[in-house]
């Protein structure tokens, strides 16, 4: 059995949708004006330039293979790298570490 959910009645201006379009264009033009006047940075050329702001503490960055002081791999095969890799380029096969590498 389906439940009928009543829809709220929209006013004439809400049905016209023009005020929302004009508001969005105003925001876009404001950003464009700020870019032309040099108030905001548009693009950061990453290797040559860095952001002036500090990254938040919760930023995790790119996954990297963690090593200890002796250079041994500290991976525990949690498969988090495989899970968060967007192109699915990482494949992890858990296994035993040779005793010479421990």
C-alpha atoms as a PDB file:
ATOM      1  CA  UNK A   1       0.000   0.000   0.000  1.00  0.00           C
ATOM      2  CA  UNK A   2       1.419   3.353  -1.033  1.00  0.00           C
ATOM      3  CA  UNK A   3       1.406   6.376   1.226  1.00  0.00           C
ATOM      4  CA  UNK A   4       0.208   9.613  -0.320  1.00  0.00           C
ATOM      5  CA  UNK A   5       2.469  12.495   0.710  1.00  0.00           C
ATOM      6  CA  UNK A   6       0.888  15.916   0.275  1.00  0.00           C
ATOM      7  CA  UNK A   7       3.007  18.329  -1.707  1.00  0.00           C
ATOM      8  CA  UNK A   8       3.251  21.920  -0.487  1.00  0.00           C
ATOM      9  CA  UNK A   9       1.594  24.546  -2.637  1.00  0.00           C
ATOM     10  CA  UNK A  10       4.132  26.716  -4.444  1.00  0.00           C
ATOM     11  CA  UNK A  11       3.639  30.424  -4.837  1.00  0.00           C
ATOM     12  CA  UNK A  12       3.536  32.058  -8.250  1.00  0.00           C
ATOM     13  CA  UNK A  13       7.168  33.226  -8.021  1.00  0.00           C
ATOM     14  CA  UNK A  14       8.345  29.767  -6.936  1.00  0.00           C
ATOM     15  CA  UNK A  15       6.600  28.137  -9.851  1.00  0.00           C
ATOM     16  CA  UNK A  16       8.088  30.689 -12.231  1.00  0.00           C
ATOM     17  CA  UNK A  17      11.625  29.683 -11.113  1.00  0.00           C
ATOM     18  CA  UNK A  18      13.003  32.985 -12.427  1.00  0.00           C
ATOM     19  CA  UNK A  19      14.049  34.382  -9.004  1.00  0.00           C
ATOM     20  CA  UNK A  20      16.213  31.309  -8.383  1.00  0.00           C
ATOM     21  CA  UNK A  21      17.903  31.692 -11.768  1.00  0.00           C
ATOM     22  CA  UNK A  22      18.537  35.412 -11.189  1.00  0.00           C
ATOM     23  CA  UNK A  23      19.946  34.687  -7.720  1.00  0.00           C
ATOM     24  CA  UNK A  24      22.318  32.059  -9.115  1.00  0.00           C
ATOM     25  CA  UNK A  25      23.485  34.396 -11.867  1.00  0.00           C
ATOM     26  CA  UNK A  26      24.116  37.142  -9.280  1.00  0.00           C
ATOM     27  CA  UNK A  27      26.377  34.811  -7.300  1.00  0.00           C
ATOM     28  CA  UNK A  28      28.226  33.789 -10.475  1.00  0.00           C
ATOM     29  CA  UNK A  29      28.723  37.405 -11.563  1.00  0.00           C
ATOM     30  CA  UNK A  30      29.979  38.306  -8.072  1.00  0.00           C
ATOM     31  CA  UNK A  31      32.598  35.530  -8.268  1.00  0.00           C
ATOM     32  CA  UNK A  32      33.588  36.686 -11.766  1.00  0.00           C
ATOM     33  CA  UNK A  33      33.936  40.301 -10.581  1.00  0.00           C
ATOM     34  CA  UNK A  34      36.121  39.228  -7.648  1.00  0.00           C
ATOM     35  CA  UNK A  35      38.298  37.188  -9.987  1.00  0.00           C
ATOM     36  CA  UNK A  36      38.773  40.111 -12.377  1.00  0.00           C
ATOM     37  CA  UNK A  37      39.681  42.478  -9.549  1.00  0.00           C
ATOM     38  CA  UNK A  38      42.223  40.001  -8.181  1.00  0.00           C
ATOM     39  CA  UNK A  39      40.500  39.451  -4.838  1.00  0.00           C
ATOM     40  CA  UNK A  40      40.481  35.663  -5.139  1.00  0.00           C
ATOM     41  CA  UNK A  41      42.906  33.092  -6.530  1.00  0.00           C
ATOM     42  CA  UNK A  42      41.375  30.990  -9.242  1.00  0.00           C
ATOM     43  CA  UNK A  43      44.017  28.338  -9.877  1.00  0.00           C
ATOM     44  CA  UNK A  44      47.041  27.172  -7.937  1.00  0.00           C
ATOM     45  CA  UNK A  45      49.855  25.668 -10.021  1.00  0.00           C
ATOM     46  CA  UNK A  46      50.557  22.993  -7.417  1.00  0.00           C
ATOM     47  CA  UNK A  47      54.204  21.989  -7.638  1.00  0.00           C
ATOM     48  CA  UNK A  48      55.379  25.567  -8.095  1.00  0.00           C
ATOM     49  CA  UNK A  49      52.839  27.272  -5.818  1.00  0.00           C
ATOM     50  CA  UNK A  50      51.260  26.209  -2.557  1.00  0.00           C
ATOM     51  CA  UNK A  51      48.182  27.416  -0.756  1.00  0.00           C
ATOM     52  CA  UNK A  52      48.769  30.020   1.925  1.00  0.00           C
ATOM     53  CA  UNK A  53      46.272  28.341   4.202  1.00  0.00           C
ATOM     54  CA  UNK A  54      47.083  25.424   6.500  1.00  0.00           C
ATOM     55  CA  UNK A  55      45.374  22.138   5.748  1.00  0.00           C
ATOM     56  CA  UNK A  56      42.911  20.970   8.409  1.00  0.00           C
ATOM     57  CA  UNK A  57      44.067  18.340  10.890  1.00  0.00           C
ATOM     58  CA  UNK A  58      41.598  15.776   9.549  1.00  0.00           C
ATOM     59  CA  UNK A  59      43.033  15.984   5.996  1.00  0.00           C
ATOM     60  CA  UNK A  60      44.518  12.592   5.178  1.00  0.00           C
ATOM     61  CA  UNK A  61      46.083  13.325   1.795  1.00  0.00           C
ATOM     62  CA  UNK A  62      47.206  10.684  -0.632  1.00  0.00           C
ATOM     63  CA  UNK A  63      47.724   7.156   0.642  1.00  0.00           C
ATOM     64  CA  UNK A  64      51.365   6.198   1.094  1.00  0.00           C
ATOM     65  CA  UNK A  65      53.167   3.049   2.128  1.00  0.00           C
ATOM     66  CA  UNK A  66      54.302   3.684   5.702  1.00  0.00           C
ATOM     67  CA  UNK A  67      57.726   2.434   6.776  1.00  0.00           C
ATOM     68  CA  UNK A  68      59.374   2.261  10.187  1.00  0.00           C
ATOM     69  CA  UNK A  69      62.803   3.615  11.229  1.00  0.00           C
ATOM     70  CA  UNK A  70      64.605   0.601   9.748  1.00  0.00           C
ATOM     71  CA  UNK A  71      62.856   0.962   6.377  1.00  0.00           C
ATOM     72  CA  UNK A  72      60.572  -2.041   6.828  1.00  0.00           C
ATOM     73  CA  UNK A  73      56.991  -1.861   5.572  1.00  0.00           C
ATOM     74  CA  UNK A  74      54.391  -1.295   8.313  1.00  0.00           C
ATOM     75  CA  UNK A  75      51.398  -2.284   6.181  1.00  0.00           C
ATOM     76  CA  UNK A  76      48.897  -4.494   8.011  1.00  0.00           C
ATOM     77  CA  UNK A  77      46.840  -5.227   4.856  1.00  0.00           C
ATOM     78  CA  UNK A  78      43.759  -3.374   6.106  1.00  0.00           C
ATOM     79  CA  UNK A  79      42.813  -2.821   2.428  1.00  0.00           C
ATOM     80  CA  UNK A  80      41.914   0.821   3.049  1.00  0.00           C
ATOM     81  CA  UNK A  81      44.179   1.905   0.176  1.00  0.00           C
ATOM     82  CA  UNK A  82      42.358  -0.455  -2.167  1.00  0.00           C
ATOM     83  CA  UNK A  83      38.983   0.815  -0.980  1.00  0.00           C
ATOM     84  CA  UNK A  84      39.689   4.552  -1.402  1.00  0.00           C
ATOM     85  CA  UNK A  85      41.614   4.361  -4.710  1.00  0.00           C
ATOM     86  CA  UNK A  86      39.280   6.039  -7.274  1.00  0.00           C
ATOM     87  CA  UNK A  87      40.524   4.212 -10.394  1.00  0.00           C
ATOM     88  CA  UNK A  88      40.770   0.891  -8.495  1.00  0.00           C
ATOM     89  CA  UNK A  89      44.471   0.659  -9.446  1.00  0.00           C
ATOM     90  CA  UNK A  90      45.567  -0.846  -6.111  1.00  0.00           C
ATOM     91  CA  UNK A  91      45.102  -4.547  -5.420  1.00  0.00           C
ATOM     92  CA  UNK A  92      46.115  -5.871  -1.987  1.00  0.00           C
ATOM     93  CA  UNK A  93      46.640  -9.543  -1.292  1.00  0.00           C
ATOM     94  CA  UNK A  94      47.213 -10.162   2.432  1.00  0.00           C
ATOM     95  CA  UNK A  95      49.926 -12.635   3.306  1.00  0.00           C
ATOM     96  CA  UNK A  96      52.639 -13.522   5.783  1.00  0.00           C
ATOM     97  CA  UNK A  97      55.771 -11.383   6.032  1.00  0.00           C
ATOM     98  CA  UNK A  98      59.029 -13.329   5.766  1.00  0.00           C
ATOM     99  CA  UNK A  99      60.801 -13.576   9.129  1.00  0.00           C
ATOM    100  CA  UNK A 100      63.893 -11.836   7.717  1.00  0.00           C
ATOM    101  CA  UNK A 101      61.833  -8.664   7.033  1.00  0.00           C
ATOM    102  CA  UNK A 102      60.319  -8.436  10.518  1.00  0.00           C
END
